[in-house]
Amino acid sequence: MKKLIGKLVAVNLGKKEDDLNKSPCDFLQAELDGFIGDRHRSIQRECWQGDKQQEGSIRRNERQWSATSVEELAEISEKMDLSEPLTADKVSVNLCFAGIPDLSLLAKGSILKFPSGAELMVEEYNPPCVEMGEKLAEIYTTNSGKALTATDFTKAAAFSRGLVGVIEVAGKINAGDEVTVIIYQTPRWITKMKNNR
């Protein structure tokens, strides 16, 4: 398995329902159903428009946590020509990493391991949404003075918005923690079996 070492530079908690904000904190306590105190904590969630299932259906919650990286936030900020850089709390994610190249492209099944023993599993890429674009257009300005639109964020953050996933092993996750990323790779026995068909 391929491994990477990165650093967790910020952690955030979103307490209010129907609120895009998350607030910086010192640590997160991960349980098997999500982060204690976070609005996304649950083993299930209601489907919305754009999900694979019918809107309103109840499904397994594959979005117990969300993450981005300082590198991807810098790239998005540059594309949007922002006068001050985007931060993880402003784009409403729980975790912000440094030193993990192409974080948003980590394969489903990849594991993020922390010193406490906590483990997070990647479920999928977190596509940028218009609602977040609207929020950012209200609070950010551009270097050129051009007004931002709701779609500026969705265009700039395509394929670099971050990830969502589930808690694999409970534990405490601290800002400043080193994180070991175990990148998912198809097991050799499956590859071998496919090649021998």
N, C-alpha and C. Protein backbone atom coordinates (compact mmCIF):
# COMPACT_ATOMS: atom_id res chain seq x y z
N MET A 1 0.83 -1.20 0.00
CA MET A 1 0.00 0.00 0.00
C MET A 1 0.86 1.25 0.00
N LYS A 2 0.45 2.22 -0.75
CA LYS A 2 1.19 3.47 -0.81
C LYS A 2 0.77 4.36 0.37
N LYS A 3 1.75 4.96 1.04
CA LYS A 3 1.48 5.83 2.19
C LYS A 3 2.02 7.22 1.96
N LEU A 4 1.33 8.20 2.53
CA LEU A 4 1.77 9.59 2.53
C LEU A 4 1.69 10.09 3.97
N ILE A 5 2.53 11.05 4.30
CA ILE A 5 2.44 11.70 5.62
C ILE A 5 2.08 13.16 5.40
N GLY A 6 1.06 13.61 6.07
CA GLY A 6 0.65 15.01 6.00
C GLY A 6 0.46 15.56 7.39
N LYS A 7 -0.07 16.78 7.45
CA LYS A 7 -0.31 17.42 8.74
C LYS A 7 -1.70 18.01 8.75
N LEU A 8 -2.38 17.86 9.88
CA LEU A 8 -3.70 18.46 10.07
C LEU A 8 -3.50 19.86 10.61
N VAL A 9 -3.80 20.89 9.83
CA VAL A 9 -3.50 22.26 10.24
C VAL A 9 -4.68 22.96 10.91
N ALA A 10 -5.91 22.46 10.69
CA ALA A 10 -7.08 23.10 11.32
C ALA A 10 -8.22 22.10 11.44
N VAL A 11 -8.99 22.23 12.52
CA VAL A 11 -10.20 21.43 12.71
C VAL A 11 -11.36 22.37 13.00
N ASN A 12 -12.53 22.01 12.51
CA ASN A 12 -13.72 22.86 12.62
C ASN A 12 -14.94 22.02 12.96
N LEU A 13 -15.88 22.64 13.65
CA LEU A 13 -17.11 21.97 14.07
C LEU A 13 -18.30 22.81 13.64
N GLY A 14 -19.29 22.18 13.03
CA GLY A 14 -20.51 22.87 12.62
C GLY A 14 -21.66 22.43 13.51
N LYS A 15 -22.12 23.32 14.38
CA LYS A 15 -23.10 22.94 15.39
C LYS A 15 -24.55 23.13 14.95
N LYS A 16 -24.83 24.14 14.16
CA LYS A 16 -26.22 24.47 13.84
C LYS A 16 -26.72 23.77 12.59
N GLU A 17 -27.95 23.25 12.66
CA GLU A 17 -28.57 22.66 11.48
C GLU A 17 -28.86 23.76 10.46
N ASP A 18 -28.83 23.42 9.19
CA ASP A 18 -29.14 24.36 8.10
C ASP A 18 -28.29 25.61 8.14
N ASP A 19 -27.03 25.47 8.58
CA ASP A 19 -26.10 26.59 8.63
C ASP A 19 -24.81 26.12 7.97
N LEU A 20 -24.32 26.87 7.00
CA LEU A 20 -23.11 26.46 6.29
C LEU A 20 -21.82 26.72 7.07
N ASN A 21 -21.92 27.38 8.22
CA ASN A 21 -20.71 27.75 8.96
C ASN A 21 -20.18 26.59 9.80
N LYS A 22 -18.86 26.55 9.91
CA LYS A 22 -18.19 25.68 10.88
C LYS A 22 -17.19 26.56 11.63
N SER A 23 -17.01 26.28 12.90
CA SER A 23 -16.15 27.11 13.74
C SER A 23 -14.86 26.40 14.11
N PRO A 24 -13.73 27.13 14.08
CA PRO A 24 -12.46 26.52 14.47
C PRO A 24 -12.49 26.04 15.92
N CYS A 25 -11.80 24.93 16.19
CA CYS A 25 -11.67 24.40 17.54
C CYS A 25 -10.31 23.73 17.66
N ASP A 26 -9.99 23.24 18.85
CA ASP A 26 -8.68 22.63 19.07
C ASP A 26 -8.62 21.15 18.69
N PHE A 27 -9.75 20.46 18.86
CA PHE A 27 -9.78 19.03 18.56
C PHE A 27 -11.20 18.60 18.22
N LEU A 28 -11.29 17.41 17.64
CA LEU A 28 -12.58 16.77 17.36
C LEU A 28 -12.54 15.38 17.97
N GLN A 29 -13.66 14.97 18.57
CA GLN A 29 -13.77 13.62 19.09
C GLN A 29 -14.58 12.80 18.08
N ALA A 30 -13.91 11.86 17.45
CA ALA A 30 -14.55 11.02 16.44
C ALA A 30 -15.16 9.79 17.09
N GLU A 31 -16.43 9.59 16.82
CA GLU A 31 -17.13 8.36 17.22
C GLU A 31 -17.58 7.68 15.92
N LEU A 32 -18.10 6.48 16.01
CA LEU A 32 -18.42 5.74 14.80
C LEU A 32 -19.56 6.34 14.00
N ASP A 33 -20.30 7.27 14.60
CA ASP A 33 -21.38 7.94 13.87
C ASP A 33 -21.04 9.39 13.51
N GLY A 34 -19.78 9.79 13.71
CA GLY A 34 -19.37 11.15 13.34
C GLY A 34 -18.66 11.87 14.47
N PHE A 35 -18.45 13.18 14.28
CA PHE A 35 -17.78 14.00 15.29
C PHE A 35 -18.79 14.49 16.32
N ILE A 36 -18.46 14.34 17.60
CA ILE A 36 -19.36 14.80 18.66
C ILE A 36 -19.58 16.30 18.50
N GLY A 37 -20.87 16.70 18.49
CA GLY A 37 -21.24 18.11 18.39
C GLY A 37 -21.39 18.65 16.98
N ASP A 38 -21.05 17.85 15.96
CA ASP A 38 -21.14 18.32 14.58
C ASP A 38 -22.51 17.99 14.00
N ARG A 39 -23.04 18.90 13.21
CA ARG A 39 -24.39 18.71 12.65
C ARG A 39 -24.47 17.54 11.66
N HIS A 40 -23.35 17.09 11.14
CA HIS A 40 -23.37 15.96 10.21
C HIS A 40 -23.22 14.61 10.91
N ARG A 41 -23.20 14.63 12.24
CA ARG A 41 -23.04 13.38 12.99
C ARG A 41 -24.33 12.55 12.89
N SER A 42 -24.22 11.39 12.30
CA SER A 42 -25.35 10.48 12.18
C SER A 42 -24.92 9.26 11.37
N ILE A 43 -25.62 8.16 11.56
CA ILE A 43 -25.36 6.99 10.72
C ILE A 43 -26.21 7.03 9.46
N GLN A 44 -27.18 7.94 9.42
CA GLN A 44 -28.05 8.06 8.25
C GLN A 44 -28.32 9.52 7.94
N ARG A 45 -28.77 9.77 6.71
CA ARG A 45 -29.13 11.13 6.32
C ARG A 45 -30.22 11.08 5.26
N GLU A 46 -30.87 12.22 5.08
CA GLU A 46 -31.90 12.34 4.06
C GLU A 46 -31.25 12.72 2.73
N CYS A 47 -31.67 12.10 1.66
CA CYS A 47 -31.13 12.39 0.33
C CYS A 47 -31.65 13.74 -0.16
N TRP A 48 -30.81 14.45 -0.88
CA TRP A 48 -31.20 15.71 -1.48
C TRP A 48 -31.10 15.60 -2.99
N GLN A 49 -31.53 16.64 -3.66
CA GLN A 49 -31.47 16.66 -5.12
C GLN A 49 -30.01 16.49 -5.55
N GLY A 50 -29.78 15.62 -6.50
CA GLY A 50 -28.42 15.36 -6.96
C GLY A 50 -27.84 14.06 -6.41
N ASP A 51 -28.45 13.51 -5.35
CA ASP A 51 -28.01 12.21 -4.83
C ASP A 51 -28.37 11.10 -5.81
N LYS A 52 -27.73 9.95 -5.63
CA LYS A 52 -28.03 8.79 -6.48
C LYS A 52 -29.43 8.25 -6.19
N GLN A 53 -29.89 8.43 -4.95
CA GLN A 53 -31.20 7.95 -4.55
C GLN A 53 -32.24 9.07 -4.70
N GLN A 54 -33.50 8.69 -4.61
CA GLN A 54 -34.58 9.66 -4.74
C GLN A 54 -34.53 10.67 -3.60
N GLU A 55 -34.72 11.95 -3.93
CA GLU A 55 -34.72 13.02 -2.94
C GLU A 55 -35.71 12.70 -1.84
N GLY A 56 -35.28 12.86 -0.58
CA GLY A 56 -36.13 12.58 0.56
C GLY A 56 -35.96 11.19 1.13
N SER A 57 -35.34 10.29 0.37
CA SER A 57 -35.09 8.93 0.88
C SER A 57 -34.07 9.00 2.01
N ILE A 58 -34.09 8.00 2.88
CA ILE A 58 -33.10 7.91 3.95
C ILE A 58 -32.04 6.91 3.51
N ARG A 59 -30.78 7.32 3.62
CA ARG A 59 -29.66 6.47 3.22
C ARG A 59 -28.56 6.50 4.27
N ARG A 60 -27.59 5.63 4.13
CA ARG A 60 -26.40 5.62 5.00
C ARG A 60 -25.70 6.97 4.85
N ASN A 61 -25.23 7.52 5.95
CA ASN A 61 -24.53 8.80 5.91
C ASN A 61 -23.06 8.59 5.55
N GLU A 62 -22.72 8.90 4.32
CA GLU A 62 -21.34 8.79 3.85
C GLU A 62 -20.59 10.11 4.01
N ARG A 63 -21.25 11.07 4.68
CA ARG A 63 -20.70 12.42 4.83
C ARG A 63 -20.54 12.80 6.30
N GLN A 64 -19.98 11.88 7.11
CA GLN A 64 -19.80 12.16 8.53
C GLN A 64 -18.72 13.20 8.77
N TRP A 65 -17.79 13.32 7.86
CA TRP A 65 -16.73 14.34 7.95
C TRP A 65 -16.45 14.88 6.56
N SER A 66 -15.86 16.08 6.55
CA SER A 66 -15.44 16.71 5.29
C SER A 66 -14.04 17.27 5.47
N ALA A 67 -13.30 17.34 4.38
CA ALA A 67 -11.90 17.79 4.46
C ALA A 67 -11.49 18.53 3.20
N THR A 68 -10.49 19.38 3.37
CA THR A 68 -9.86 20.08 2.25
C THR A 68 -8.37 20.20 2.59
N SER A 69 -7.63 20.89 1.74
CA SER A 69 -6.20 21.10 2.02
C SER A 69 -5.85 22.56 1.79
N VAL A 70 -4.79 23.02 2.46
CA VAL A 70 -4.34 24.40 2.27
C VAL A 70 -3.91 24.62 0.83
N GLU A 71 -3.34 23.59 0.21
CA GLU A 71 -2.90 23.72 -1.17
C GLU A 71 -4.08 23.92 -2.11
N GLU A 72 -5.14 23.14 -1.92
CA GLU A 72 -6.30 23.28 -2.79
C GLU A 72 -7.05 24.58 -2.52
N LEU A 73 -7.11 25.01 -1.26
CA LEU A 73 -7.75 26.30 -0.96
C LEU A 73 -6.99 27.45 -1.62
N ALA A 74 -5.66 27.36 -1.62
CA ALA A 74 -4.85 28.41 -2.27
C ALA A 74 -5.11 28.43 -3.77
N GLU A 75 -5.22 27.26 -4.37
CA GLU A 75 -5.49 27.16 -5.81
C GLU A 75 -6.86 27.76 -6.16
N ILE A 76 -7.87 27.44 -5.36
CA ILE A 76 -9.22 27.97 -5.59
C ILE A 76 -9.22 29.48 -5.40
N SER A 77 -8.55 29.96 -4.34
CA SER A 77 -8.48 31.41 -4.07
C SER A 77 -7.86 32.16 -5.24
N GLU A 78 -6.80 31.58 -5.81
CA GLU A 78 -6.13 32.21 -6.94
C GLU A 78 -7.04 32.25 -8.17
N LYS A 79 -7.71 31.14 -8.44
CA LYS A 79 -8.62 31.10 -9.58
C LYS A 79 -9.77 32.09 -9.44
N MET A 80 -10.22 32.32 -8.20
CA MET A 80 -11.31 33.26 -7.96
C MET A 80 -10.81 34.70 -7.83
N ASP A 81 -9.48 34.89 -7.81
CA ASP A 81 -8.86 36.21 -7.68
C ASP A 81 -9.27 36.88 -6.37
N LEU A 82 -9.29 36.11 -5.28
CA LEU A 82 -9.74 36.64 -4.00
C LEU A 82 -8.69 37.54 -3.36
N SER A 83 -9.17 38.59 -2.71
CA SER A 83 -8.26 39.53 -2.05
C SER A 83 -7.69 38.96 -0.75
N GLU A 84 -8.35 37.95 -0.18
CA GLU A 84 -7.80 37.21 0.96
C GLU A 84 -8.12 35.74 0.75
N PRO A 85 -7.24 34.84 1.18
CA PRO A 85 -7.42 33.42 0.86
C PRO A 85 -8.60 32.77 1.58
N LEU A 86 -9.17 31.77 0.92
CA LEU A 86 -10.22 30.96 1.53
C LEU A 86 -9.63 30.20 2.72
N THR A 87 -10.44 29.99 3.73
CA THR A 87 -10.04 29.17 4.87
C THR A 87 -11.02 28.01 5.02
N ALA A 88 -10.59 26.97 5.71
CA ALA A 88 -11.39 25.76 5.84
C ALA A 88 -12.73 26.01 6.53
N ASP A 89 -12.73 26.87 7.55
CA ASP A 89 -14.00 27.14 8.24
C ASP A 89 -14.97 27.87 7.32
N LYS A 90 -14.47 28.73 6.44
CA LYS A 90 -15.35 29.48 5.53
C LYS A 90 -15.97 28.60 4.46
N VAL A 91 -15.27 27.51 4.08
CA VAL A 91 -15.86 26.59 3.10
C VAL A 91 -16.52 25.40 3.80
N SER A 92 -16.66 25.53 5.12
CA SER A 92 -17.46 24.61 5.93
C SER A 92 -17.00 23.16 5.88
N VAL A 93 -15.70 22.95 6.16
CA VAL A 93 -15.20 21.58 6.28
C VAL A 93 -14.64 21.36 7.67
N ASN A 94 -14.64 20.10 8.10
CA ASN A 94 -14.15 19.75 9.44
C ASN A 94 -12.64 19.77 9.55
N LEU A 95 -11.95 19.37 8.47
CA LEU A 95 -10.52 19.13 8.54
C LEU A 95 -9.79 19.83 7.40
N CYS A 96 -8.65 20.42 7.72
CA CYS A 96 -7.82 21.03 6.68
C CYS A 96 -6.40 20.50 6.83
N PHE A 97 -5.91 19.87 5.76
CA PHE A 97 -4.60 19.23 5.77
C PHE A 97 -3.58 20.02 4.98
N ALA A 98 -2.32 19.73 5.22
CA ALA A 98 -1.22 20.26 4.41
C ALA A 98 -0.32 19.08 4.06
N GLY A 99 0.28 19.15 2.88
CA GLY A 99 1.26 18.14 2.49
C GLY A 99 0.70 16.87 1.89
N ILE A 100 -0.58 16.89 1.50
CA ILE A 100 -1.18 15.73 0.85
C ILE A 100 -1.55 16.14 -0.57
N PRO A 101 -0.70 15.83 -1.55
CA PRO A 101 -0.96 16.25 -2.93
C PRO A 101 -2.29 15.71 -3.46
N ASP A 102 -3.02 16.56 -4.17
CA ASP A 102 -4.29 16.17 -4.80
C ASP A 102 -5.22 15.47 -3.81
N LEU A 103 -5.40 16.08 -2.65
CA LEU A 103 -6.27 15.50 -1.62
C LEU A 103 -7.63 15.10 -2.18
N SER A 104 -8.24 15.97 -2.98
CA SER A 104 -9.59 15.72 -3.50
C SER A 104 -9.67 14.49 -4.39
N LEU A 105 -8.53 14.02 -4.87
CA LEU A 105 -8.53 12.88 -5.78
C LEU A 105 -8.18 11.56 -5.09
N LEU A 106 -8.07 11.57 -3.74
CA LEU A 106 -7.80 10.31 -3.04
C LEU A 106 -8.91 9.31 -3.33
N ALA A 107 -8.53 8.08 -3.56
CA ALA A 107 -9.49 7.03 -3.92
C ALA A 107 -10.39 6.67 -2.75
N LYS A 108 -11.63 6.31 -3.08
CA LYS A 108 -12.56 5.77 -2.09
C LYS A 108 -11.89 4.58 -1.41
N GLY A 109 -12.03 4.51 -0.10
CA GLY A 109 -11.40 3.43 0.65
C GLY A 109 -10.06 3.79 1.24
N SER A 110 -9.49 4.95 0.84
CA SER A 110 -8.23 5.41 1.44
C SER A 110 -8.48 5.72 2.92
N ILE A 111 -7.46 5.52 3.73
CA ILE A 111 -7.58 5.69 5.19
C ILE A 111 -6.67 6.82 5.66
N LEU A 112 -7.21 7.67 6.55
CA LEU A 112 -6.44 8.72 7.21
C LEU A 112 -6.27 8.30 8.67
N LYS A 113 -5.01 8.04 9.08
CA LYS A 113 -4.74 7.55 10.43
C LYS A 113 -4.09 8.64 11.28
N PHE A 114 -4.57 8.76 12.54
CA PHE A 114 -4.11 9.80 13.46
C PHE A 114 -3.40 9.18 14.65
N PRO A 115 -2.57 9.97 15.38
CA PRO A 115 -1.79 9.42 16.49
C PRO A 115 -2.64 8.76 17.58
N SER A 116 -3.87 9.21 17.80
CA SER A 116 -4.73 8.64 18.84
C SER A 116 -5.22 7.25 18.48
N GLY A 117 -5.06 6.86 17.22
CA GLY A 117 -5.62 5.60 16.73
C GLY A 117 -6.87 5.82 15.90
N ALA A 118 -7.40 7.05 15.91
CA ALA A 118 -8.57 7.37 15.09
C ALA A 118 -8.25 7.15 13.62
N GLU A 119 -9.23 6.64 12.89
CA GLU A 119 -9.09 6.44 11.45
C GLU A 119 -10.34 6.93 10.74
N LEU A 120 -10.13 7.64 9.65
CA LEU A 120 -11.21 8.11 8.80
C LEU A 120 -11.08 7.43 7.45
N MET A 121 -12.21 7.03 6.86
CA MET A 121 -12.17 6.41 5.54
C MET A 121 -12.81 7.34 4.52
N VAL A 122 -12.14 7.51 3.39
CA VAL A 122 -12.64 8.35 2.30
C VAL A 122 -13.80 7.63 1.62
N GLU A 123 -14.89 8.36 1.43
CA GLU A 123 -16.03 7.84 0.68
C GLU A 123 -16.06 8.40 -0.74
N GLU A 124 -15.94 9.74 -0.85
CA GLU A 124 -16.02 10.32 -2.19
C GLU A 124 -15.57 11.77 -2.22
N TYR A 125 -15.38 12.25 -3.42
CA TYR A 125 -15.10 13.65 -3.69
C TYR A 125 -16.32 14.47 -3.27
N ASN A 126 -16.08 15.66 -2.74
CA ASN A 126 -17.14 16.55 -2.27
C ASN A 126 -17.33 17.67 -3.30
N PRO A 127 -18.29 17.54 -4.21
CA PRO A 127 -18.42 18.56 -5.26
C PRO A 127 -18.85 19.91 -4.71
N PRO A 128 -18.35 21.00 -5.30
CA PRO A 128 -18.75 22.34 -4.83
C PRO A 128 -20.21 22.60 -5.16
N CYS A 129 -20.90 23.30 -4.26
CA CYS A 129 -22.32 23.58 -4.48
C CYS A 129 -22.57 25.08 -4.63
N VAL A 130 -23.68 25.41 -5.25
CA VAL A 130 -24.05 26.81 -5.49
C VAL A 130 -24.33 27.54 -4.18
N GLU A 131 -24.92 26.84 -3.19
CA GLU A 131 -25.21 27.49 -1.90
C GLU A 131 -23.92 28.01 -1.25
N MET A 132 -22.86 27.20 -1.31
CA MET A 132 -21.57 27.65 -0.77
C MET A 132 -21.05 28.81 -1.61
N GLY A 133 -21.21 28.74 -2.93
CA GLY A 133 -20.79 29.83 -3.80
C GLY A 133 -21.50 31.13 -3.46
N GLU A 134 -22.77 31.05 -3.13
CA GLU A 134 -23.55 32.25 -2.75
C GLU A 134 -23.01 32.84 -1.45
N LYS A 135 -22.73 31.96 -0.48
CA LYS A 135 -22.20 32.41 0.81
C LYS A 135 -20.84 33.11 0.62
N LEU A 136 -19.95 32.49 -0.15
CA LEU A 136 -18.62 33.06 -0.35
C LEU A 136 -18.68 34.37 -1.13
N ALA A 137 -19.61 34.47 -2.06
CA ALA A 137 -19.77 35.71 -2.84
C ALA A 137 -20.18 36.87 -1.95
N GLU A 138 -20.85 36.58 -0.84
CA GLU A 138 -21.27 37.63 0.09
C GLU A 138 -20.14 38.10 1.00
N ILE A 139 -19.18 37.22 1.30
CA ILE A 139 -18.17 37.59 2.30
C ILE A 139 -16.77 37.85 1.74
N TYR A 140 -16.54 37.50 0.47
CA TYR A 140 -15.21 37.71 -0.13
C TYR A 140 -15.27 38.77 -1.23
N THR A 141 -14.12 39.39 -1.45
CA THR A 141 -13.98 40.34 -2.56
C THR A 141 -12.81 39.90 -3.44
N THR A 142 -12.76 40.43 -4.64
CA THR A 142 -11.69 40.08 -5.57
C THR A 142 -10.63 41.17 -5.61
N ASN A 143 -9.44 40.83 -6.05
CA ASN A 143 -8.37 41.81 -6.22
C ASN A 143 -8.74 42.85 -7.27
N SER A 144 -9.47 42.41 -8.29
CA SER A 144 -9.84 43.31 -9.38
C SER A 144 -11.03 44.21 -9.05
N GLY A 145 -11.74 43.88 -7.98
CA GLY A 145 -12.94 44.63 -7.63
C GLY A 145 -14.20 44.09 -8.30
N LYS A 146 -14.04 43.10 -9.14
CA LYS A 146 -15.19 42.48 -9.81
C LYS A 146 -16.01 41.70 -8.77
N ALA A 147 -17.32 41.87 -8.82
CA ALA A 147 -18.20 41.16 -7.88
C ALA A 147 -18.19 39.66 -8.18
N LEU A 148 -18.20 38.86 -7.11
CA LEU A 148 -18.26 37.41 -7.26
C LEU A 148 -19.70 36.96 -7.51
N THR A 149 -19.84 35.87 -8.24
CA THR A 149 -21.15 35.28 -8.45
C THR A 149 -21.19 33.92 -7.76
N ALA A 150 -22.37 33.36 -7.63
CA ALA A 150 -22.54 32.06 -6.97
C ALA A 150 -21.82 30.94 -7.71
N THR A 151 -21.62 31.10 -9.00
CA THR A 151 -20.97 30.03 -9.77
C THR A 151 -19.45 30.14 -9.83
N ASP A 152 -18.89 31.25 -9.38
CA ASP A 152 -17.43 31.40 -9.40
C ASP A 152 -16.76 30.31 -8.58
N PHE A 153 -17.32 30.01 -7.41
CA PHE A 153 -16.74 28.97 -6.56
C PHE A 153 -16.88 27.59 -7.20
N THR A 154 -18.05 27.28 -7.74
CA THR A 154 -18.25 25.95 -8.32
C THR A 154 -17.30 25.71 -9.49
N LYS A 155 -17.02 26.75 -10.25
CA LYS A 155 -16.09 26.62 -11.39
C LYS A 155 -14.64 26.48 -10.90
N ALA A 156 -14.25 27.33 -9.96
CA ALA A 156 -12.86 27.34 -9.48
C ALA A 156 -12.52 26.09 -8.67
N ALA A 157 -13.52 25.53 -7.98
CA ALA A 157 -13.26 24.40 -7.07
C ALA A 157 -13.52 23.04 -7.71
N ALA A 158 -13.80 23.02 -9.00
CA ALA A 158 -14.04 21.72 -9.67
C ALA A 158 -12.83 20.82 -9.49
N PHE A 159 -13.05 19.65 -8.94
CA PHE A 159 -12.03 18.62 -8.70
C PHE A 159 -11.00 18.99 -7.63
N SER A 160 -11.27 20.06 -6.87
CA SER A 160 -10.35 20.41 -5.78
C SER A 160 -11.10 20.90 -4.54
N ARG A 161 -12.36 20.55 -4.42
CA ARG A 161 -13.21 21.01 -3.30
C ARG A 161 -12.93 20.26 -2.02
N GLY A 162 -12.44 19.02 -2.14
CA GLY A 162 -12.17 18.23 -0.94
C GLY A 162 -12.88 16.89 -0.97
N LEU A 163 -12.98 16.29 0.21
CA LEU A 163 -13.50 14.94 0.35
C LEU A 163 -14.54 14.86 1.46
N VAL A 164 -15.33 13.79 1.43
CA VAL A 164 -16.19 13.43 2.56
C VAL A 164 -15.95 11.96 2.86
N GLY A 165 -16.31 11.55 4.08
CA GLY A 165 -16.12 10.16 4.44
C GLY A 165 -16.75 9.79 5.75
N VAL A 166 -16.36 8.63 6.25
CA VAL A 166 -16.93 8.07 7.48
C VAL A 166 -15.83 7.79 8.49
N ILE A 167 -16.26 7.67 9.75
CA ILE A 167 -15.33 7.30 10.81
C ILE A 167 -15.15 5.79 10.78
N GLU A 168 -13.92 5.35 10.69
CA GLU A 168 -13.61 3.92 10.67
C GLU A 168 -13.23 3.43 12.07
N VAL A 169 -12.47 4.25 12.82
CA VAL A 169 -12.08 3.93 14.19
C VAL A 169 -12.20 5.22 15.00
N ALA A 170 -12.85 5.13 16.17
CA ALA A 170 -13.05 6.30 17.03
C ALA A 170 -11.74 6.77 17.65
N GLY A 171 -11.70 8.06 18.03
CA GLY A 171 -10.53 8.62 18.69
C GLY A 171 -10.52 10.13 18.61
N LYS A 172 -9.56 10.72 19.30
CA LYS A 172 -9.43 12.18 19.34
C LYS A 172 -8.52 12.64 18.19
N ILE A 173 -8.95 13.70 17.52
CA ILE A 173 -8.18 14.26 16.40
C ILE A 173 -7.86 15.71 16.74
N ASN A 174 -6.58 16.03 16.85
CA ASN A 174 -6.13 17.35 17.27
C ASN A 174 -5.58 18.18 16.11
N ALA A 175 -5.83 19.48 16.15
CA ALA A 175 -5.16 20.38 15.22
C ALA A 175 -3.66 20.23 15.46
N GLY A 176 -2.90 20.09 14.39
CA GLY A 176 -1.46 19.89 14.50
C GLY A 176 -1.02 18.44 14.41
N ASP A 177 -1.97 17.51 14.45
CA ASP A 177 -1.64 16.09 14.35
C ASP A 177 -0.97 15.76 13.02
N GLU A 178 -0.05 14.82 13.07
CA GLU A 178 0.46 14.22 11.85
C GLU A 178 -0.59 13.21 11.39
N VAL A 179 -0.77 13.08 10.10
CA VAL A 179 -1.73 12.11 9.57
C VAL A 179 -1.02 11.21 8.56
N THR A 180 -1.26 9.92 8.68
CA THR A 180 -0.75 8.97 7.72
C THR A 180 -1.88 8.61 6.77
N VAL A 181 -1.65 8.80 5.49
CA VAL A 181 -2.66 8.49 4.48
C VAL A 181 -2.28 7.19 3.81
N ILE A 182 -3.16 6.21 3.92
CA ILE A 182 -2.95 4.93 3.26
C ILE A 182 -3.87 4.93 2.04
N ILE A 183 -3.27 5.09 0.88
CA ILE A 183 -4.04 5.23 -0.36
C ILE A 183 -4.58 3.87 -0.79
N TYR A 184 -5.89 3.83 -1.02
CA TYR A 184 -6.51 2.57 -1.42
C TYR A 184 -5.99 2.12 -2.77
N GLN A 185 -5.64 0.85 -2.83
CA GLN A 185 -5.26 0.21 -4.08
C GLN A 185 -5.99 -1.12 -4.16
N THR A 186 -6.43 -1.48 -5.34
CA THR A 186 -7.11 -2.76 -5.51
C THR A 186 -6.18 -3.88 -5.03
N PRO A 187 -6.68 -4.76 -4.15
CA PRO A 187 -5.83 -5.84 -3.64
C PRO A 187 -5.24 -6.69 -4.77
N ARG A 188 -4.01 -7.14 -4.54
CA ARG A 188 -3.30 -7.91 -5.56
C ARG A 188 -4.07 -9.15 -5.99
N TRP A 189 -4.72 -9.81 -5.04
CA TRP A 189 -5.42 -11.06 -5.38
C TRP A 189 -6.56 -10.79 -6.37
N ILE A 190 -7.19 -9.60 -6.27
CA ILE A 190 -8.26 -9.26 -7.22
C ILE A 190 -7.66 -9.00 -8.60
N THR A 191 -6.58 -8.21 -8.62
CA THR A 191 -5.90 -7.92 -9.90
C THR A 191 -5.43 -9.20 -10.56
N LYS A 192 -4.83 -10.09 -9.75
CA LYS A 192 -4.33 -11.36 -10.27
C LYS A 192 -5.47 -12.21 -10.82
N MET A 193 -6.58 -12.24 -10.09
CA MET A 193 -7.73 -13.04 -10.52
C MET A 193 -8.30 -12.49 -11.84
N LYS A 194 -8.36 -11.18 -11.96
CA LYS A 194 -8.85 -10.56 -13.19
C LYS A 194 -7.95 -10.89 -14.37
N ASN A 195 -6.64 -10.83 -14.14
CA ASN A 195 -5.67 -11.09 -15.21
C ASN A 195 -5.65 -12.55 -15.66
N ASN A 196 -6.07 -13.43 -14.76
CA ASN A 196 -6.06 -14.87 -15.07
C ASN A 196 -7.37 -15.35 -15.71
N ARG A 197 -8.30 -14.46 -15.94
CA ARG A 197 -9.57 -14.86 -16.54
C ARG A 197 -9.41 -15.18 -18.01
